[in-house]
């Protein structure tokens, strides 16, 4: 087999593998959300009943049956919390990341909703 033919075969296989991974990722995520995100809290906020300090967080998602769980892990810190949320479809793809807070009886900010740029669903966090 010539080197050109071998190279063409390898490129073809790489394209097929890339297409398959895109299809598999789309199947794993039917609600239109990215599986990993980053989030900056500019002040302390309650998430899932836990007070998190201001800072940067890596946000990942997992499904337990039909229950959607968000995991917030502080970048460079020890804070971590898991909370359930409901995914609510958006009418169009989000053009920016947004955070919505409510205030509890102790005048603390409680994270209520998250929308990540590029997603087609918003996260309504359990209070």
Protein backbone atom coordinates (compact mmCIF):
# COMPACT_ATOMS: atom_id res chain seq x y z
CA UNK A 1 0.00 0.00 0.00
CA UNK A 2 1.40 3.39 -0.96
CA UNK A 3 2.01 6.02 1.70
CA UNK A 4 -0.58 8.34 0.12
CA UNK A 5 -3.24 5.62 0.23
CA UNK A 6 -2.35 4.78 3.84
CA UNK A 7 -2.54 8.45 4.82
CA UNK A 8 -5.92 8.81 3.10
CA UNK A 9 -7.21 5.73 4.95
CA UNK A 10 -6.01 7.09 8.30
CA UNK A 11 -7.60 10.49 7.66
CA UNK A 12 -10.85 8.76 6.69
CA UNK A 13 -10.85 6.76 9.92
CA UNK A 14 -10.20 9.88 11.97
CA UNK A 15 -13.14 11.66 10.31
CA UNK A 16 -15.44 8.70 11.02
CA UNK A 17 -14.30 8.58 14.66
CA UNK A 18 -14.87 12.33 15.05
CA UNK A 19 -18.38 12.06 13.57
CA UNK A 20 -19.23 9.16 15.87
CA UNK A 21 -18.04 11.06 18.95
CA UNK A 22 -20.18 14.08 17.99
CA UNK A 23 -23.24 11.85 17.52
CA UNK A 24 -22.60 10.09 20.83
CA UNK A 25 -22.21 13.41 22.65
CA UNK A 26 -25.50 14.64 21.19
CA UNK A 27 -27.25 11.47 22.32
CA UNK A 28 -25.85 11.81 25.85
CA UNK A 29 -27.19 15.33 26.11
CA UNK A 30 -30.71 15.55 24.69
CA UNK A 31 -31.56 18.71 26.69
CA UNK A 32 -28.94 20.82 24.93
CA UNK A 33 -26.60 21.57 27.84
CA UNK A 34 -22.84 21.33 27.99
CA UNK A 35 -21.63 18.67 30.41
CA UNK A 36 -18.91 20.95 31.87
CA UNK A 37 -19.05 24.66 32.53
CA UNK A 38 -17.31 27.28 34.61
CA UNK A 39 -19.03 29.79 36.86
CA UNK A 40 -17.82 32.77 38.87
CA UNK A 41 -19.63 33.73 42.05
CA UNK A 42 -18.79 37.38 42.77
CA UNK A 43 -19.98 37.11 46.35
CA UNK A 44 -20.97 34.35 48.77
CA UNK A 45 -24.11 32.49 47.73
CA UNK A 46 -26.15 29.57 48.91
CA UNK A 47 -26.22 26.69 46.45
CA UNK A 48 -28.09 23.53 47.31
CA UNK A 49 -28.44 24.64 50.92
CA UNK A 50 -24.69 25.24 51.34
CA UNK A 51 -23.02 28.65 51.58
CA UNK A 52 -20.30 28.83 48.93
CA UNK A 53 -17.61 31.51 49.04
CA UNK A 54 -17.02 33.88 46.15
CA UNK A 55 -14.74 32.41 43.50
CA UNK A 56 -14.52 30.31 40.38
CA UNK A 57 -16.28 26.96 40.15
CA UNK A 58 -16.21 24.03 37.78
CA UNK A 59 -19.79 22.88 37.19
CA UNK A 60 -20.47 19.36 35.99
CA UNK A 61 -23.67 17.41 35.52
CA UNK A 62 -24.77 13.87 36.20
CA UNK A 63 -28.03 12.04 35.80
CA UNK A 64 -29.38 9.64 38.41
CA UNK A 65 -32.30 8.10 36.57
CA UNK A 66 -34.38 11.10 35.53
CA UNK A 67 -32.92 13.35 38.25
CA UNK A 68 -30.47 15.99 37.02
CA UNK A 69 -27.70 16.83 39.49
CA UNK A 70 -25.28 19.74 39.26
CA UNK A 71 -21.91 19.54 41.01
CA UNK A 72 -20.13 22.78 41.92
CA UNK A 73 -16.39 22.40 42.73
CA UNK A 74 -14.36 25.43 43.71
CA UNK A 75 -11.30 25.93 41.53
CA UNK A 76 -8.24 25.93 43.76
CA UNK A 77 -10.35 25.46 46.89
CA UNK A 78 -12.15 22.82 48.88
CA UNK A 79 -15.77 23.94 48.52
CA UNK A 80 -18.00 21.43 46.75
CA UNK A 81 -21.75 20.97 46.65
CA UNK A 82 -24.26 18.86 44.75
CA UNK A 83 -27.80 20.00 44.08
CA UNK A 84 -30.70 18.85 41.97
CA UNK A 85 -32.24 21.04 39.35
CA UNK A 86 -34.90 21.08 36.69
CA UNK A 87 -33.96 21.73 33.08
CA UNK A 88 -36.33 24.14 31.36
CA UNK A 89 -36.03 24.45 27.56
CA UNK A 90 -35.23 27.91 26.20
CA UNK A 91 -36.86 29.28 23.06
CA UNK A 92 -33.42 29.77 21.52
CA UNK A 93 -29.75 29.13 22.26
CA UNK A 94 -28.49 31.31 25.14
CA UNK A 95 -26.28 34.17 23.96
CA UNK A 96 -24.72 34.76 27.38
CA UNK A 97 -24.25 33.18 30.79
CA UNK A 98 -26.71 34.44 33.40
CA UNK A 99 -27.21 33.88 37.13
CA UNK A 100 -30.44 34.68 38.97
CA UNK A 101 -30.53 34.92 42.76
CA UNK A 102 -33.28 35.21 45.34
CA UNK A 103 -32.86 36.44 48.89
CA UNK A 104 -33.67 34.19 51.84
CA UNK A 105 -35.02 35.19 55.28
CA UNK A 106 -31.44 35.83 56.47
CA UNK A 107 -30.79 38.30 53.59
CA UNK A 108 -28.42 35.81 51.91
CA UNK A 109 -28.19 35.38 48.14
CA UNK A 110 -29.53 32.00 47.02
CA UNK A 111 -28.69 30.82 43.49
CA UNK A 112 -32.06 30.10 41.86
CA UNK A 113 -31.39 29.83 38.11
CA UNK A 114 -28.45 29.43 35.77
CA UNK A 115 -28.23 29.83 32.03
CA UNK A 116 -24.94 29.02 30.32
CA UNK A 117 -24.00 30.61 27.00
CA UNK A 118 -24.64 28.20 24.14
CA UNK A 119 -27.12 25.98 26.02
CA UNK A 120 -30.74 25.53 24.96
CA UNK A 121 -32.06 24.89 28.49
CA UNK A 122 -31.84 26.77 31.79
CA UNK A 123 -31.17 25.22 35.18
CA UNK A 124 -33.75 25.93 37.89
CA UNK A 125 -32.08 24.92 41.14
CA UNK A 126 -33.95 23.25 43.96
CA UNK A 127 -34.36 25.57 46.93
